[in-house]
Every structure is written in structure tokens, then in C-alpha cells.
Amino acid sequence: MEIERKYDVSPDHALPALHEVPGVTSTASDEQWLEAMYYDTPELTLTSARNTLRRRTGGDDAGWHLKRPDRDGEREEVRVPLGRATRTVPKVLRGQVRAIVRDRSLAPVAQLSTHRRVHRLLDDDGAVLAEFRDDAVTVQALGGPDANDPAPMAWREWDVELATGDRALLKTLEERITGAGGVPATGSSKLARALQGRLPAVAHEEPESPSPKGSAGGVVLTYLRTHVSELISQDPLVRGDRPDSVHKMRVATRRLRSTLGTFRPLFDRNRTEPLRAELKWLADLLGAARDAEVKRDRLRTMIEEQPAELVVGPIKRRVTREQNEKYRSAHAGVTSALDSGRYLRLLDALDTLVTDPPWTDQAPRRAEDALPGLVRQRFTKMRRRLRSVDHAATSDERDHQLHEARKDAKKARYAAEALRPTAGKPAKKFATGMESMQDLLGDHHDSVVVRDLLRRAAEAAHSAGEPTFTYGRLHALEQAHAQALEHAFAGVWKKASAKRRRQWLQD
């Protein structure tokens, strides 16, 4: 992660007094000559999304670098060694930007030369607190629409990047730098500054701010845009197998599909139903990996919580190995799908959905008139489902109905969350109640699945001549846990479905 600030400065400005900054004991300086080639699509898709991709030589971090914005306003940098290729972007970095560039080719768009003076700020132990860089930059834009590339640009800039220092140090440095004449940079990167005249304009109008008296379509569109963005942002993290990334991408996919289903009257179904089918395809692939992850972690935690003398045989190794293999296989299937044309066309369809929504004549209706009733339909469906639980003929049927009720609760929750900008606290409280139902019923379903897994694992262990005592013990504990959840269910449902929580739905 980069925690960095950039500043424009005129050629004649003197450096700030860095050695006087509290906590800085000494400074160490050197000079570097850096050469970088920046890559993008002809449409500058990466730069427009505030991503930069370059191959740089010189300095102490030569290599291929991909920088992308983080949610906290900082930037994440992915580095790959230089390798032998000089004009072909490494495969791993092409994968990291695939959700943004899709099928477009990557080619040089700018060449940048930097004469850099680096000043490292050190503490008493000689550790680097931060780096201050004084850059003289020359950049040549390449591959523009005109026959001749524009004249090179040149400027001076300062930037400071935290190393082991804290935010308080960064704030002090910012004050010193602006006091010495530095002005916060207008662009997010050197490349964006060099290509500013070529960057495409925003392709669509900004959505209206959601309000009760605003359009129903505007409210739903805001929610859809949020989760399309979330899906795309999780793509490179899933490819890199980052913790929780599969779960987050799956949730974004399910939110989109559920939203298009709940608010179906607002959209042309001929356009959105095929899209919902493709979202289900992606969610199912992610679900296979996520389910293996959940089972593995749940079983591992259960085993580790048992007294050592009651863990008999290689149970942890057996169940962990099995679920790890399933996860690796499922994750490989996900990453293969993310490189497929089918997935890229899904992303194209999502782009079209949020830039040119296929509205019906219901979309312009006032949000407060059109939307609560659609959320109420989700709640009513869940309530009917729960009534059928008591009439289940077998325990398996009861477990199935409870699982389906969980899905209904989740859809009601997502629908209410979409309305939070207009309905406020009532929608938030309703969504919280549905989330509590979703969590309880999800825990119950996980228990059902894990019990089945334990039974099958015990059979395999028995066939291999291994002890099965601990499998039976864990199965009994899971069964008791599921019974406790069912006992708690009535209270959770009573609170979640209280009339005061659903009055805003005009029930």
C-alpha cells in the first residue's frame, strides 16, 4: 500500500527544512535517473479508472508496476520483476486489469523520464520514516489520434511517501511542504497529467441524488452502480486469492441479481432476465469456492476447540485436506471463468445496465410510492415460507424450507438496503432485522451441511482404518447447535417482523 502525497512546485523553490521535522533525526539523500514506459488501451481505459501500468528501469524498484486506487483514498501497487519482455505486459498484470480493459489491447501511451533526488527521513535507529522526492519530469505522450505525437511536457513535482512513519508525521510533512510553496497536485498521477487532454469525458450523466420524491429508477440505479463497482473492484483480488475476496464478489453478484428481481417492474425484463441468469452463473461458480472455504474453517475451528484427548485420529488433516482440494479446484474454475468471453460480456452488459438502463414506464414514479410495496412483497414471501416450515413432513424438508427462508430474508434485506437513502432509519432497522434472520438461518444451514460432511468423512475414515470417535462427537455438537438455533428462531423472527419494523412498508 502506498500512502503518498504529490505536490506541484516551480523550478526555483527551495526544499522544505526536512531535518527540522519532529521525530526526524537525520536524512540520507541520493540521485536516481528513471525511465518508464506507460501502457494503456487506445481509449485510455486504465487511466480513466485511475489505474497506471508501467515498466520502469532505474532506481531501487525497477520492474513492472500496477497502481490502482484503494477505497481509503490511498493507492495499492502490484510489482512484477522486469523479465526479458520489454513491450509485452506480464500475464499476471494483464489479469489484474482484465475487468477494466476487457478485450482491448495494451500498448505504450507515454514515455516518462525522471531525474529524482530522494531524501530519506530517518529516526534514531536509522529506520526510514518517510521518503521525500524532488522530481524533474519529462514526458512524451505516444499513440495519440493525430499523426504526430504532441511536444514533450516538463515540470517539477515533490512527493512524500510514508515508510515506517505514522499519519501524524505525514500531516507535519504536508504542512512543511505547503509552507515551502508546494501545491497539492491537480492530477492523480504523472501519466494522468500528461494525457489530460486525451482522457475521455464521462460517458453518462451522474445519477440523481436519491430522495423519497425522486424517481424510483434513480434510487435503484444508485444501488446497482455501487455493486457493479464492487464486483469489478473484487475481480483482481479474487484472481490473487486475497482473503474474503471470493465472498465479497459473490455478495456483490447476488445483490445485483436480487435487486433486478425485486424491482423487476422498473425494467424491461427481456433485457434484465438474461442478465440475471448470467449473474447466477457467476454466483454459482463463486459459491463453490466459498462453500469449501466455509466448511474448512468451521470444521477446523470446531476441532481446535475440542480437548486434545478427545481428538482421536488424523481428523483435522483429513477434513482440511479435502476442503482445501475442493477450494483450489473451485477457485481454479473461478479464475478460468474470469478470463472467459462469457464473463467479459457480462461485465459489458452490467456497464450498459448502469449507463443506459432499460426502464419501463414505472421507473419515473416517485420512489416513496413505487418502491416500499416491492420490498413488502419480498417480506410477504418470506413470511409465507416460514409458515410452511411447521408443516414439513420430514426433517430434511424442514431444513430445506428453512434454507429457502434464509434466501427470502436475504432478498428482503438487500431490497431494504437499496431504499436506505430515501427511507432512512426505518429501512435500516428493517434490513437489520432481516440480516439477523439471514445470519441465524445461514448458521443453521451450515450446520446441516457440515453434519453431512462429517458423516461422509467418518465413513471414509472407517474404510481407511482410522478412528471415527471424534467425527461422531462433532456431529452431535453440530446437531445440538442446530437445535439451539431452532429454539432461538421464534424470538429472532418475532423481533425482526415486529409491526413497528415494517410500518414504513405500508403493511
Protein backbone atom coordinates (compact mmCIF):
# COMPACT_ATOMS: atom_id res chain seq x y z
CA MET A 1 0.00 0.00 0.00
CA GLU A 2 1.22 3.48 -0.87
CA ILE A 3 0.43 6.34 1.47
CA GLU A 4 1.65 9.17 -0.70
CA ARG A 5 1.04 12.86 -1.37
CA LYS A 6 2.08 14.76 -4.52
CA TYR A 7 2.71 18.48 -4.96
CA ASP A 8 3.29 20.82 -7.87
CA VAL A 9 6.18 23.21 -7.37
CA SER A 10 8.00 25.78 -9.50
CA PRO A 11 11.61 25.11 -10.61
CA ASP A 12 13.10 27.75 -8.30
CA HIS A 13 11.52 26.73 -4.99
CA ALA A 14 13.91 25.66 -2.23
CA LEU A 15 13.34 22.39 -0.40
CA PRO A 16 11.48 22.43 2.93
CA ALA A 17 13.58 22.02 6.08
CA LEU A 18 13.08 18.28 6.37
CA HIS A 19 15.71 17.77 9.08
CA GLU A 20 13.70 20.02 11.42
CA VAL A 21 10.61 17.81 11.38
CA PRO A 22 9.93 16.37 14.87
CA GLY A 23 10.97 12.74 15.08
CA VAL A 24 13.43 13.01 12.18
CA THR A 25 16.99 12.56 13.42
CA SER A 26 18.84 12.64 10.12
CA THR A 27 18.37 12.42 6.37
CA ALA A 28 20.08 10.37 3.67
CA SER A 29 19.98 11.51 0.04
CA ASP A 30 20.83 10.16 -3.39
CA GLU A 31 20.05 10.79 -7.06
CA GLN A 32 18.23 8.48 -9.46
CA TRP A 33 17.53 8.54 -13.20
CA LEU A 34 14.31 6.71 -14.01
CA GLU A 35 12.87 5.67 -17.35
CA ALA A 36 9.28 4.43 -17.55
CA MET A 37 7.01 3.29 -20.35
CA TYR A 38 3.29 3.53 -19.53
CA TYR A 39 0.73 1.17 -21.03
CA ASP A 40 -2.99 1.61 -21.62
CA THR A 41 -5.70 0.91 -24.17
CA PRO A 42 -6.17 3.28 -27.12
CA GLU A 43 -9.21 4.65 -25.26
CA LEU A 44 -7.09 5.23 -22.10
CA THR A 45 -9.41 2.94 -20.15
CA LEU A 46 -6.94 2.33 -17.32
CA THR A 47 -6.00 5.96 -16.82
CA SER A 48 -9.67 6.95 -16.79
CA ALA A 49 -10.18 4.43 -13.97
CA ARG A 50 -7.20 5.93 -12.09
CA ASN A 51 -5.02 2.87 -12.70
CA THR A 52 -1.46 3.18 -14.01
CA LEU A 53 0.57 0.40 -15.57
CA ARG A 54 4.24 0.92 -16.35
CA ARG A 55 7.59 -0.72 -16.97
CA ARG A 56 10.32 1.22 -15.18
CA THR A 57 14.10 0.94 -15.10
CA GLY A 58 16.47 2.73 -12.77
CA GLY A 59 16.15 3.39 -9.06
CA ASP A 60 15.70 0.74 -6.39
CA ASP A 61 12.32 -0.62 -7.52
CA ALA A 62 12.82 -1.38 -11.22
CA GLY A 63 10.12 -3.60 -12.65
CA TRP A 64 6.55 -3.67 -13.89
CA HIS A 65 4.24 -1.70 -11.63
CA LEU A 66 0.45 -1.56 -11.49
CA LYS A 67 -1.02 1.14 -9.27
CA ARG A 68 -4.72 1.22 -8.50
CA PRO A 69 -6.81 3.29 -6.09
CA ASP A 70 -7.77 1.85 -2.73
CA ARG A 71 -11.06 2.60 -1.01
CA ASP A 72 -9.37 4.67 1.68
CA GLY A 73 -8.02 7.11 -0.87
CA GLU A 74 -4.57 5.54 -0.96
CA ARG A 75 -3.05 3.51 -3.78
CA GLU A 76 -2.10 -0.15 -3.96
CA GLU A 77 0.93 -1.12 -6.01
CA VAL A 78 1.43 -4.57 -7.53
CA ARG A 79 5.00 -5.26 -8.66
CA VAL A 80 6.40 -7.83 -11.08
CA PRO A 81 10.11 -8.24 -11.96
CA LEU A 82 11.29 -6.75 -15.25
CA GLY A 83 11.80 -10.05 -17.03
CA ARG A 84 13.01 -10.30 -20.61
CA ALA A 85 10.00 -8.82 -22.41
CA THR A 86 10.08 -5.09 -22.88
CA ARG A 87 6.86 -4.49 -24.85
CA THR A 88 4.52 -7.25 -23.63
CA VAL A 89 2.70 -6.72 -20.35
CA PRO A 90 3.22 -9.71 -17.99
CA LYS A 91 0.29 -12.12 -17.87
CA VAL A 92 -0.31 -11.65 -14.16
CA LEU A 93 -0.75 -7.89 -14.61
CA ARG A 94 -2.98 -8.32 -17.64
CA GLY A 95 -5.19 -10.47 -15.44
CA GLN A 96 -5.21 -7.83 -12.72
CA VAL A 97 -6.69 -5.24 -15.13
CA ARG A 98 -8.83 -7.58 -17.23
CA ALA A 99 -12.12 -6.46 -15.67
CA ILE A 100 -11.30 -2.89 -16.70
CA VAL A 101 -9.75 -3.29 -20.14
CA ARG A 102 -11.76 -6.41 -21.21
CA ASP A 103 -10.66 -7.43 -24.73
CA ARG A 104 -8.85 -4.20 -25.54
CA SER A 105 -5.13 -4.35 -26.31
CA LEU A 106 -2.49 -2.69 -24.14
CA ALA A 107 0.20 -0.58 -25.81
CA PRO A 108 2.60 2.24 -24.85
CA VAL A 109 0.84 5.57 -24.39
CA ALA A 110 3.60 7.63 -22.77
CA GLN A 111 7.31 7.58 -22.06
CA LEU A 112 8.46 9.33 -18.93
CA SER A 113 11.95 10.32 -17.78
CA THR A 114 12.58 11.46 -14.23
CA HIS A 115 15.64 12.93 -12.58
CA ARG A 116 14.87 12.21 -8.94
CA ARG A 117 16.55 13.43 -5.77
CA VAL A 118 15.48 11.18 -2.90
CA HIS A 119 15.69 12.35 0.70
CA ARG A 120 15.06 9.57 3.25
CA LEU A 121 13.96 10.76 6.66
CA LEU A 122 15.48 8.60 9.41
CA ASP A 123 14.77 8.10 13.11
CA ASP A 124 17.22 7.43 15.96
CA ASP A 125 17.62 3.78 14.89
CA GLY A 126 18.22 4.61 11.26
CA ALA A 127 14.82 3.35 10.16
CA VAL A 128 13.24 5.16 7.21
CA LEU A 129 10.18 7.09 8.40
CA ALA A 130 9.31 8.55 5.00
CA GLU A 131 10.77 9.44 1.63
CA PHE A 132 10.67 12.92 0.15
CA ARG A 133 11.26 13.02 -3.61
CA ASP A 134 12.14 16.02 -5.72
CA ASP A 135 11.38 15.08 -9.34
CA ALA A 136 12.24 16.81 -12.59
CA VAL A 137 9.86 15.14 -15.03
CA THR A 138 9.85 14.98 -18.82
CA VAL A 139 7.08 13.04 -20.53
CA GLN A 140 6.29 12.25 -24.15
CA ALA A 141 2.73 11.16 -24.96
CA LEU A 142 2.56 8.39 -27.57
CA GLY A 143 -0.02 6.90 -29.88
CA GLY A 144 -2.45 9.80 -29.93
CA PRO A 145 -5.16 10.22 -32.54
CA ASP A 146 -3.08 12.70 -34.51
CA ALA A 147 -0.37 11.62 -36.91
CA ASN A 148 2.29 13.39 -34.84
CA ASP A 149 2.71 13.00 -31.12
CA PRO A 150 2.49 16.23 -29.13
CA ALA A 151 5.57 18.04 -27.90
CA PRO A 152 7.09 16.69 -24.67
CA MET A 153 5.93 18.17 -21.37
CA ALA A 154 8.23 19.00 -18.46
CA TRP A 155 7.58 20.01 -14.87
CA ARG A 156 8.86 19.70 -11.33
CA GLU A 157 6.98 17.98 -8.52
CA TRP A 158 7.52 16.90 -4.94
CA ASP A 159 6.04 13.84 -3.35
CA VAL A 160 6.27 12.31 0.09
CA GLU A 161 5.56 8.65 0.91
CA LEU A 162 5.30 7.12 4.36
CA ALA A 163 7.50 4.15 5.23
CA THR A 164 7.52 3.34 8.95
CA GLY A 165 6.24 6.76 9.98
CA ASP A 166 2.69 7.43 11.12
CA ARG A 167 -0.10 9.72 9.93
CA ALA A 168 0.93 12.44 12.37
CA LEU A 169 4.33 12.61 10.66
CA LEU A 170 2.63 12.77 7.26
CA LYS A 171 0.47 15.68 8.42
CA THR A 172 3.54 17.56 9.68
CA LEU A 173 5.36 16.94 6.40
CA GLU A 174 2.35 18.18 4.44
CA GLU A 175 2.39 21.41 6.45
CA ARG A 176 6.13 21.89 5.83
CA ILE A 177 5.80 21.19 2.13
CA THR A 178 2.88 23.57 1.54
CA GLY A 179 4.70 26.17 3.66
CA ALA A 180 7.67 25.87 1.30
CA GLY A 181 5.49 26.53 -1.74
CA GLY A 182 4.22 23.06 -2.69
CA VAL A 183 0.68 22.98 -4.06
CA PRO A 184 -1.32 19.71 -3.93
CA ALA A 185 -1.06 18.14 -7.39
CA THR A 186 -4.05 18.53 -9.68
CA GLY A 187 -3.73 15.05 -11.19
CA SER A 188 -3.72 11.62 -9.53
CA SER A 189 -0.53 10.60 -11.37
CA LYS A 190 2.14 11.87 -13.73
CA LEU A 191 0.52 9.91 -16.52
CA ALA A 192 -2.91 11.44 -15.97
CA ARG A 193 -1.32 14.87 -16.14
CA ALA A 194 0.47 14.05 -19.36
CA LEU A 195 -2.66 12.62 -21.03
CA GLN A 196 -5.19 15.03 -19.60
CA GLY A 197 -6.22 16.43 -22.96
CA ARG A 198 -6.90 12.93 -24.32
CA LEU A 199 -8.85 11.43 -21.42
CA PRO A 200 -12.43 10.68 -22.40
CA ALA A 201 -15.27 12.66 -20.93
CA VAL A 202 -17.73 10.96 -18.60
CA ALA A 203 -19.90 8.82 -20.83
CA HIS A 204 -23.11 9.26 -18.87
CA GLU A 205 -24.86 11.76 -16.69
CA GLU A 206 -24.44 11.41 -12.96
CA PRO A 207 -27.46 9.79 -11.31
CA GLU A 208 -29.85 11.97 -9.40
CA SER A 209 -29.41 12.07 -5.64
CA PRO A 210 -31.89 9.56 -4.21
CA SER A 211 -34.85 11.15 -2.41
CA PRO A 212 -38.36 9.98 -1.46
CA LYS A 213 -39.90 12.31 -4.00
CA GLY A 214 -37.30 11.49 -6.63
CA SER A 215 -37.72 8.74 -9.18
CA ALA A 216 -37.83 5.08 -8.22
CA GLY A 217 -35.39 4.36 -11.02
CA GLY A 218 -32.87 6.83 -9.63
CA VAL A 219 -32.87 5.11 -6.24
CA VAL A 220 -32.38 1.63 -7.66
CA LEU A 221 -29.77 2.79 -10.16
CA THR A 222 -27.62 4.25 -7.37
CA TYR A 223 -27.64 0.89 -5.60
CA LEU A 224 -26.86 -1.03 -8.79
CA ARG A 225 -23.92 1.23 -9.62
CA THR A 226 -22.44 0.71 -6.18
CA HIS A 227 -22.40 -3.05 -6.54
CA VAL A 228 -21.27 -3.16 -10.16
CA SER A 229 -18.28 -1.15 -8.97
CA GLU A 230 -17.79 -3.55 -6.06
CA LEU A 231 -17.87 -6.59 -8.34
CA ILE A 232 -15.23 -5.10 -10.65
CA SER A 233 -13.02 -4.00 -7.74
CA GLN A 234 -13.01 -7.53 -6.31
CA ASP A 235 -12.02 -9.12 -9.65
CA PRO A 236 -8.23 -8.69 -9.27
CA LEU A 237 -8.41 -9.67 -5.60
CA VAL A 238 -10.19 -12.93 -6.45
CA ARG A 239 -7.59 -13.66 -9.11
CA GLY A 240 -4.89 -13.09 -6.47
CA ASP A 241 -6.78 -15.28 -3.94
CA ARG A 242 -6.97 -12.49 -1.38
CA PRO A 243 -8.74 -13.35 1.88
CA ASP A 244 -12.52 -12.85 1.75
CA SER A 245 -12.43 -11.65 -1.88
CA VAL A 246 -14.46 -14.60 -3.21
CA HIS A 247 -17.11 -13.92 -0.57
CA LYS A 248 -17.28 -10.21 -1.36
CA MET A 249 -17.51 -10.74 -5.11
CA ARG A 250 -20.21 -13.34 -4.59
CA VAL A 251 -22.22 -10.98 -2.38
CA ALA A 252 -21.95 -8.17 -4.96
CA THR A 253 -23.15 -10.57 -7.66
CA ARG A 254 -26.08 -11.73 -5.56
CA ARG A 255 -27.07 -8.19 -4.62
CA LEU A 256 -27.23 -7.22 -8.28
CA ARG A 257 -29.30 -10.25 -9.22
CA SER A 258 -31.63 -9.84 -6.26
CA THR A 259 -32.13 -6.12 -6.94
CA LEU A 260 -33.08 -6.75 -10.56
CA GLY A 261 -35.55 -9.36 -9.33
CA THR A 262 -37.15 -7.32 -6.55
CA PHE A 263 -37.53 -4.20 -8.66
CA ARG A 264 -38.40 -6.11 -11.83
CA PRO A 265 -41.38 -3.84 -12.73
CA LEU A 266 -38.97 -0.94 -13.28
CA PHE A 267 -37.01 -2.76 -16.00
CA ASP A 268 -37.60 -4.31 -19.40
CA ARG A 269 -37.49 -7.99 -18.47
CA ASN A 270 -36.32 -9.00 -21.92
CA ARG A 271 -33.08 -7.18 -21.08
CA THR A 272 -32.68 -7.96 -17.39
CA GLU A 273 -33.73 -11.62 -17.15
CA PRO A 274 -30.83 -12.84 -19.35
CA LEU A 275 -28.54 -10.67 -17.24
CA ARG A 276 -29.89 -12.21 -14.03
CA ALA A 277 -29.19 -15.66 -15.49
CA GLU A 278 -25.57 -14.72 -16.16
CA LEU A 279 -25.20 -13.29 -12.65
CA LYS A 280 -26.49 -16.59 -11.28
CA TRP A 281 -23.87 -18.43 -13.34
CA LEU A 282 -21.11 -16.32 -11.81
CA ALA A 283 -22.54 -16.55 -8.27
CA ASP A 284 -22.71 -20.34 -8.51
CA LEU A 285 -19.05 -20.56 -9.52
CA LEU A 286 -18.02 -18.29 -6.65
CA GLY A 287 -20.32 -20.21 -4.32
CA ALA A 288 -18.50 -23.50 -4.88
CA ALA A 289 -15.24 -21.93 -3.72
CA ARG A 290 -16.87 -20.05 -0.87
CA ASP A 291 -18.71 -23.12 0.44
CA ALA A 292 -15.49 -25.14 0.61
CA GLU A 293 -13.86 -22.24 2.45
CA VAL A 294 -16.69 -22.01 4.99
CA LYS A 295 -16.76 -25.76 5.67
CA ARG A 296 -12.99 -25.94 6.12
CA ASP A 297 -12.86 -23.01 8.53
CA ARG A 298 -15.88 -24.18 10.53
CA LEU A 299 -14.53 -27.70 10.96
CA ARG A 300 -11.02 -26.52 11.75
CA THR A 301 -12.35 -24.19 14.44
CA MET A 302 -14.51 -26.93 15.95
CA ILE A 303 -11.60 -29.37 16.09
CA GLU A 304 -9.27 -26.81 17.66
CA GLU A 305 -11.85 -26.06 20.36
CA GLN A 306 -12.03 -29.70 21.48
CA PRO A 307 -9.98 -31.06 24.40
CA ALA A 308 -6.85 -32.65 22.97
CA GLU A 309 -7.66 -36.07 24.43
CA LEU A 310 -10.99 -36.10 22.52
CA VAL A 311 -9.43 -35.51 19.11
CA VAL A 312 -8.66 -39.06 18.08
CA GLY A 313 -7.06 -39.81 14.75
CA PRO A 314 -5.99 -37.57 11.84
CA ILE A 315 -9.39 -35.88 11.55
CA LYS A 316 -8.07 -32.35 11.13
CA ARG A 317 -5.70 -33.39 8.37
CA ARG A 318 -8.41 -35.37 6.56
CA VAL A 319 -11.16 -32.72 6.54
CA THR A 320 -8.77 -29.81 5.94
CA ARG A 321 -7.08 -31.57 3.05
CA GLU A 322 -10.39 -32.47 1.44
CA GLN A 323 -11.83 -28.96 1.67
CA ASN A 324 -8.56 -27.35 0.59
CA GLU A 325 -8.57 -29.51 -2.53
CA LYS A 326 -12.18 -28.59 -3.24
CA TYR A 327 -11.40 -24.91 -2.72
CA ARG A 328 -8.37 -24.99 -5.01
CA SER A 329 -10.36 -26.76 -7.71
CA ALA A 330 -13.30 -24.38 -7.37
CA HIS A 331 -11.02 -21.31 -7.30
CA ALA A 332 -9.28 -22.52 -10.46
CA GLY A 333 -12.72 -22.76 -12.06
CA VAL A 334 -13.48 -19.20 -10.99
CA THR A 335 -10.24 -17.75 -12.36
CA SER A 336 -10.76 -19.63 -15.63
CA ALA A 337 -14.26 -18.15 -15.87
CA LEU A 338 -12.92 -14.65 -15.20
CA ASP A 339 -10.79 -14.98 -18.33
CA SER A 340 -13.68 -16.19 -20.44
CA GLY A 341 -15.54 -14.24 -23.07
CA ARG A 342 -18.77 -15.04 -21.27
CA TYR A 343 -17.63 -13.16 -18.16
CA LEU A 344 -16.35 -10.19 -20.13
CA ARG A 345 -19.67 -9.92 -21.93
CA LEU A 346 -21.39 -10.00 -18.54
CA LEU A 347 -19.28 -7.02 -17.48
CA ASP A 348 -20.18 -5.25 -20.72
CA ALA A 349 -23.87 -5.91 -20.00
CA LEU A 350 -23.51 -4.50 -16.48
CA ASP A 351 -21.86 -1.38 -17.89
CA THR A 352 -24.80 -0.94 -20.23
CA LEU A 353 -27.26 -1.56 -17.40
CA VAL A 354 -25.94 1.35 -15.33
CA THR A 355 -25.24 3.75 -18.20
CA ASP A 356 -28.37 3.09 -20.27
CA PRO A 357 -30.92 1.34 -18.01
CA PRO A 358 -33.79 -0.44 -19.82
CA TRP A 359 -36.51 1.40 -17.89
CA THR A 360 -40.22 0.79 -18.10
CA ASP A 361 -42.86 3.45 -17.51
CA GLN A 362 -42.74 2.56 -13.78
CA ALA A 363 -39.22 3.92 -13.28
CA PRO A 364 -40.17 7.64 -13.27
CA ARG A 365 -42.70 7.12 -10.45
CA ARG A 366 -41.89 8.68 -7.09
CA ALA A 367 -39.67 6.41 -5.02
CA GLU A 368 -41.89 6.68 -1.92
CA ASP A 369 -44.87 5.49 -3.97
CA ALA A 370 -43.32 2.75 -6.10
CA LEU A 371 -40.64 1.02 -4.02
CA PRO A 372 -41.88 0.12 -0.50
CA GLY A 373 -44.57 -2.14 -1.92
CA LEU A 374 -41.98 -4.14 -3.82
CA VAL A 375 -39.97 -4.64 -0.62
CA ARG A 376 -43.19 -5.69 1.12
CA GLN A 377 -43.66 -8.42 -1.47
CA ARG A 378 -40.27 -9.87 -0.53
CA PHE A 379 -41.21 -9.81 3.16
CA THR A 380 -44.59 -11.43 2.49
CA LYS A 381 -42.97 -14.24 0.53
CA MET A 382 -40.60 -14.96 3.42
CA ARG A 383 -43.46 -14.96 5.93
CA ARG A 384 -45.40 -17.47 3.83
CA ARG A 385 -42.31 -19.63 3.55
CA LEU A 386 -41.89 -19.72 7.31
CA ARG A 387 -45.48 -20.84 7.76
CA SER A 388 -44.73 -23.85 5.58
CA VAL A 389 -41.82 -24.87 7.84
CA ASP A 390 -44.22 -26.10 10.54
CA HIS A 391 -45.99 -28.30 8.00
CA ALA A 392 -42.84 -30.02 6.75
CA ALA A 393 -43.32 -33.79 6.66
CA THR A 394 -39.67 -34.69 7.36
CA SER A 395 -36.63 -33.10 9.00
CA ASP A 396 -34.97 -32.89 5.58
CA GLU A 397 -37.96 -30.98 4.21
CA ARG A 398 -37.89 -28.68 7.24
CA ASP A 399 -34.19 -27.98 6.74
CA HIS A 400 -34.85 -27.23 3.07
CA GLN A 401 -37.68 -24.81 3.87
CA LEU A 402 -35.55 -23.01 6.46
CA HIS A 403 -32.78 -22.65 3.87
CA GLU A 404 -35.23 -21.21 1.37
CA ALA A 405 -36.49 -18.81 4.06
CA ARG A 406 -32.92 -17.65 4.52
CA LYS A 407 -32.74 -16.78 0.83
CA ASP A 408 -36.01 -14.84 1.14
CA ALA A 409 -34.70 -12.94 4.18
CA LYS A 410 -31.55 -12.05 2.30
CA LYS A 411 -33.54 -10.69 -0.66
CA ALA A 412 -35.74 -8.64 1.67
CA ARG A 413 -32.63 -7.28 3.36
CA TYR A 414 -30.99 -6.26 0.07
CA ALA A 415 -34.20 -4.60 -1.09
CA ALA A 416 -34.45 -2.57 2.12
CA GLU A 417 -30.79 -1.58 1.90
CA ALA A 418 -31.40 -0.18 -1.57
CA LEU A 419 -34.05 2.12 -0.07
CA ARG A 420 -31.99 3.37 2.85
CA PRO A 421 -31.05 6.66 1.11
CA THR A 422 -34.76 7.53 0.84
CA ALA A 423 -36.46 5.66 3.70
CA GLY A 424 -33.73 6.27 6.27
CA LYS A 425 -33.79 4.62 9.71
CA PRO A 426 -36.95 2.54 9.14
CA ALA A 427 -35.33 0.82 6.16
CA LYS A 428 -32.09 0.39 8.12
CA LYS A 429 -33.87 -1.23 11.08
CA PHE A 430 -35.87 -3.49 8.80
CA ALA A 431 -32.70 -4.54 6.97
CA THR A 432 -31.00 -5.22 10.32
CA GLY A 433 -33.88 -7.49 11.32
CA MET A 434 -33.70 -9.37 8.04
CA GLU A 435 -29.94 -9.71 8.45
CA SER A 436 -30.42 -11.30 11.88
CA MET A 437 -32.80 -13.80 10.29
CA GLN A 438 -30.35 -14.43 7.46
CA ASP A 439 -27.47 -15.00 9.90
CA LEU A 440 -29.40 -17.42 12.11
CA LEU A 441 -30.79 -19.44 9.22
CA GLY A 442 -27.41 -19.37 7.47
CA ASP A 443 -25.74 -20.76 10.58
CA HIS A 444 -28.42 -23.45 10.68
CA HIS A 445 -27.86 -24.39 7.04
CA ASP A 446 -24.08 -24.53 7.55
CA SER A 447 -24.71 -26.94 10.43
CA VAL A 448 -26.83 -29.17 8.19
CA VAL A 449 -24.15 -29.22 5.51
CA VAL A 450 -21.29 -29.85 7.95
CA ARG A 451 -23.13 -32.72 9.60
CA ASP A 452 -23.49 -34.41 6.23
CA LEU A 453 -19.82 -33.78 5.53
CA LEU A 454 -18.82 -35.28 8.90
CA ARG A 455 -20.90 -38.38 8.25
CA ARG A 456 -19.28 -38.96 4.87
CA ALA A 457 -15.81 -38.21 6.24
CA ALA A 458 -16.38 -40.71 9.07
CA GLU A 459 -17.29 -43.39 6.52
CA ALA A 460 -14.09 -42.67 4.57
CA ALA A 461 -12.04 -42.72 7.78
CA HIS A 462 -13.59 -46.03 8.83
CA SER A 463 -12.75 -47.53 5.43
CA ALA A 464 -9.15 -46.34 5.89
CA GLY A 465 -8.94 -47.95 9.35
CA GLU A 466 -8.89 -44.61 11.19
CA PRO A 467 -10.75 -43.86 14.46
CA THR A 468 -14.18 -42.25 13.99
CA PHE A 469 -14.97 -41.23 17.58
CA THR A 470 -14.28 -37.52 17.04
CA TYR A 471 -16.42 -37.39 13.89
CA GLY A 472 -19.38 -38.63 15.93
CA ARG A 473 -18.67 -36.15 18.71
CA LEU A 474 -18.54 -33.21 16.30
CA HIS A 475 -21.71 -34.40 14.58
CA ALA A 476 -23.53 -34.47 17.93
CA LEU A 477 -22.25 -30.98 18.81
CA GLU A 478 -23.45 -29.65 15.46
CA GLN A 479 -26.83 -31.29 15.95
CA ALA A 480 -27.18 -29.68 19.37
CA HIS A 481 -26.13 -26.34 17.91
CA ALA A 482 -28.78 -26.59 15.18
CA GLN A 483 -31.45 -27.40 17.78
CA ALA A 484 -30.41 -24.36 19.82
CA LEU A 485 -30.73 -22.20 16.72
CA GLU A 486 -34.23 -23.54 16.07
CA HIS A 487 -35.20 -22.74 19.67
CA ALA A 488 -33.84 -19.19 19.22
CA PHE A 489 -35.59 -18.79 15.88
CA ALA A 490 -39.02 -17.76 17.21
CA GLY A 491 -37.57 -14.88 19.23
CA VAL A 492 -35.44 -13.59 16.37
CA TRP A 493 -38.38 -13.77 13.96
CA LYS A 494 -40.71 -12.02 16.40
CA LYS A 495 -38.28 -9.12 16.75
CA ALA A 496 -37.45 -8.93 13.03
CA SER A 497 -41.10 -8.99 11.97
CA ALA A 498 -42.47 -6.63 14.61
CA LYS A 499 -45.06 -4.27 13.20
CA ARG A 500 -43.01 -1.21 14.09
CA ARG A 501 -40.22 -2.51 11.86
CA ARG A 502 -42.46 -2.82 8.81
CA GLN A 503 -44.80 0.16 9.13
CA TRP A 504 -42.75 2.01 6.53
CA LEU A 505 -43.75 -0.69 4.03
CA GLN A 506 -47.39 0.40 4.41
CA ASP A 507 -48.27 -3.12 5.51
